[in-house]
Amino acid sequence: MMKNESEKMKPLSDKPIDETHVYKRTNLSNIFTGIIVFITVGYLLFSLFRSMNVIDLSGIEIFNTIFISILMQAFPFMLIGVLVSSAMHVFISDEWIVKAFSKICSLFLNFF
């Protein structure tokens, strides 16, 4: 067992601790910036390897083609969803939406 208080709280060094940096949280913008930088560097490396024909990237090119085609097909529906939800947010009150959905949910639950 410890005899006195000085043995309990022994500092690692004599330097004062800067408390502002001890509990600093990571901002969400820093995370997004890191993700954007990571994607950009990956894309640049992909373009460099593709132009030099160093490795066979035909599988990645096929995946890229399929991904872009699916994204192009889904984009109009995503745009319509964003526009409708924005219009609902601006023009319809929250109370009306809660009342409408509670009525619909009660009718749906009574049906089954």
Protein backbone atom coordinates (compact mmCIF):
# COMPACT_ATOMS: atom_id res chain seq x y z
CA MET A 1 0.00 0.00 0.00
CA MET A 2 1.07 3.58 -0.62
CA LYS A 3 2.21 5.52 2.38
CA ASN A 4 1.61 9.12 1.38
CA GLU A 5 -0.02 11.28 -1.30
CA SER A 6 3.23 12.07 -3.13
CA GLU A 7 3.67 8.44 -4.12
CA LYS A 8 0.17 8.29 -5.64
CA MET A 9 0.44 11.27 -8.00
CA LYS A 10 4.04 11.10 -9.21
CA PRO A 11 4.48 13.11 -12.48
CA LEU A 12 6.29 11.55 -15.42
CA SER A 13 8.23 14.73 -16.13
CA ASP A 14 8.71 18.16 -14.63
CA LYS A 15 7.17 19.90 -17.67
CA PRO A 16 3.75 21.45 -17.13
CA ILE A 17 0.86 19.72 -18.88
CA ASP A 18 -0.99 21.73 -21.51
CA GLU A 19 -4.57 20.78 -20.67
CA THR A 20 -6.03 22.25 -23.87
CA HIS A 21 -4.42 19.53 -25.99
CA VAL A 22 -5.03 16.61 -23.65
CA TYR A 23 -8.77 16.43 -24.26
CA LYS A 24 -8.83 17.81 -27.80
CA ARG A 25 -11.42 16.08 -29.93
CA THR A 26 -11.08 15.34 -33.60
CA ASN A 27 -13.28 17.57 -35.70
CA LEU A 28 -15.57 15.97 -38.25
CA SER A 29 -14.12 18.25 -40.91
CA ASN A 30 -10.65 16.79 -40.25
CA ILE A 31 -12.02 13.30 -40.84
CA PHE A 32 -13.72 14.31 -44.10
CA THR A 33 -10.57 16.11 -45.24
CA GLY A 34 -8.54 12.97 -44.60
CA ILE A 35 -11.02 10.86 -46.55
CA ILE A 36 -10.94 13.28 -49.51
CA VAL A 37 -7.12 13.32 -49.51
CA PHE A 38 -7.03 9.50 -49.32
CA ILE A 39 -9.46 9.14 -52.24
CA THR A 40 -7.56 11.74 -54.31
CA VAL A 41 -4.20 10.07 -53.76
CA GLY A 42 -5.73 6.67 -54.57
CA TYR A 43 -7.23 8.01 -57.78
CA LEU A 44 -3.92 9.57 -58.81
CA LEU A 45 -2.04 6.31 -58.15
CA PHE A 46 -4.71 4.39 -60.06
CA SER A 47 -4.32 6.76 -63.03
CA LEU A 48 -0.54 6.50 -62.88
CA PHE A 49 -0.55 2.68 -62.83
CA ARG A 50 -3.12 2.56 -65.61
CA SER A 51 -1.12 4.87 -67.86
CA MET A 52 2.14 2.96 -67.28
CA ASN A 53 0.55 -0.48 -67.83
CA VAL A 54 2.46 -1.76 -64.79
CA ILE A 55 -0.22 -4.12 -63.56
CA ASP A 56 -3.38 -5.58 -65.07
CA LEU A 57 -6.25 -3.35 -63.98
CA SER A 58 -8.95 -4.82 -66.21
CA GLY A 59 -10.94 -6.06 -63.20
CA ILE A 60 -10.90 -2.62 -61.61
CA GLU A 61 -11.90 -1.03 -64.91
CA ILE A 62 -14.88 -3.41 -65.21
CA PHE A 63 -15.89 -2.63 -61.62
CA ASN A 64 -15.53 1.10 -62.35
CA THR A 65 -17.75 0.83 -65.45
CA ILE A 66 -20.48 -1.07 -63.58
CA PHE A 67 -20.30 1.29 -60.58
CA ILE A 68 -20.63 4.40 -62.76
CA SER A 69 -23.55 2.90 -64.72
CA ILE A 70 -25.44 2.04 -61.52
CA LEU A 71 -24.73 5.51 -60.14
CA MET A 72 -26.00 7.15 -63.32
CA GLN A 73 -29.22 5.13 -63.14
CA ALA A 74 -29.78 5.98 -59.47
CA PHE A 75 -28.91 9.69 -59.68
CA PRO A 76 -32.31 10.94 -60.98
CA PHE A 77 -34.13 9.14 -58.17
CA MET A 78 -31.75 10.53 -55.56
CA LEU A 79 -32.26 14.02 -56.99
CA ILE A 80 -36.05 13.66 -56.87
CA GLY A 81 -35.83 12.42 -53.27
CA VAL A 82 -33.69 15.37 -52.24
CA LEU A 83 -36.03 17.86 -53.89
CA VAL A 84 -39.18 16.31 -52.37
CA SER A 85 -37.69 16.09 -48.88
CA SER A 86 -36.43 19.69 -49.12
CA ALA A 87 -39.87 20.89 -50.17
CA MET A 88 -41.46 18.95 -47.30
CA HIS A 89 -39.00 20.43 -44.84
CA VAL A 90 -39.65 24.00 -46.01
CA PHE A 91 -43.40 23.99 -46.66
CA ILE A 92 -44.89 21.40 -44.26
CA SER A 93 -44.82 21.76 -40.49
CA ASP A 94 -43.38 19.03 -38.30
CA GLU A 95 -46.62 18.68 -36.35
CA TRP A 96 -48.62 17.97 -39.51
CA ILE A 97 -46.16 15.27 -40.58
CA VAL A 98 -46.33 13.62 -37.14
CA LYS A 99 -50.13 13.63 -37.22
CA ALA A 100 -50.30 12.27 -40.76
CA PHE A 101 -47.86 9.44 -40.14
CA SER A 102 -49.44 8.51 -36.82
CA LYS A 103 -52.82 8.14 -38.59
CA ILE A 104 -51.27 6.08 -41.38
CA CYS A 105 -49.39 3.87 -38.91
CA SER A 106 -52.49 3.28 -36.80
CA LEU A 107 -54.51 2.32 -39.90
CA PHE A 108 -51.73 0.01 -41.05
CA LEU A 109 -51.42 -1.67 -37.64
CA ASN A 110 -55.20 -2.12 -37.35
CA PHE A 111 -55.28 -3.72 -40.80
CA PHE A 112 -53.03 -6.58 -39.69
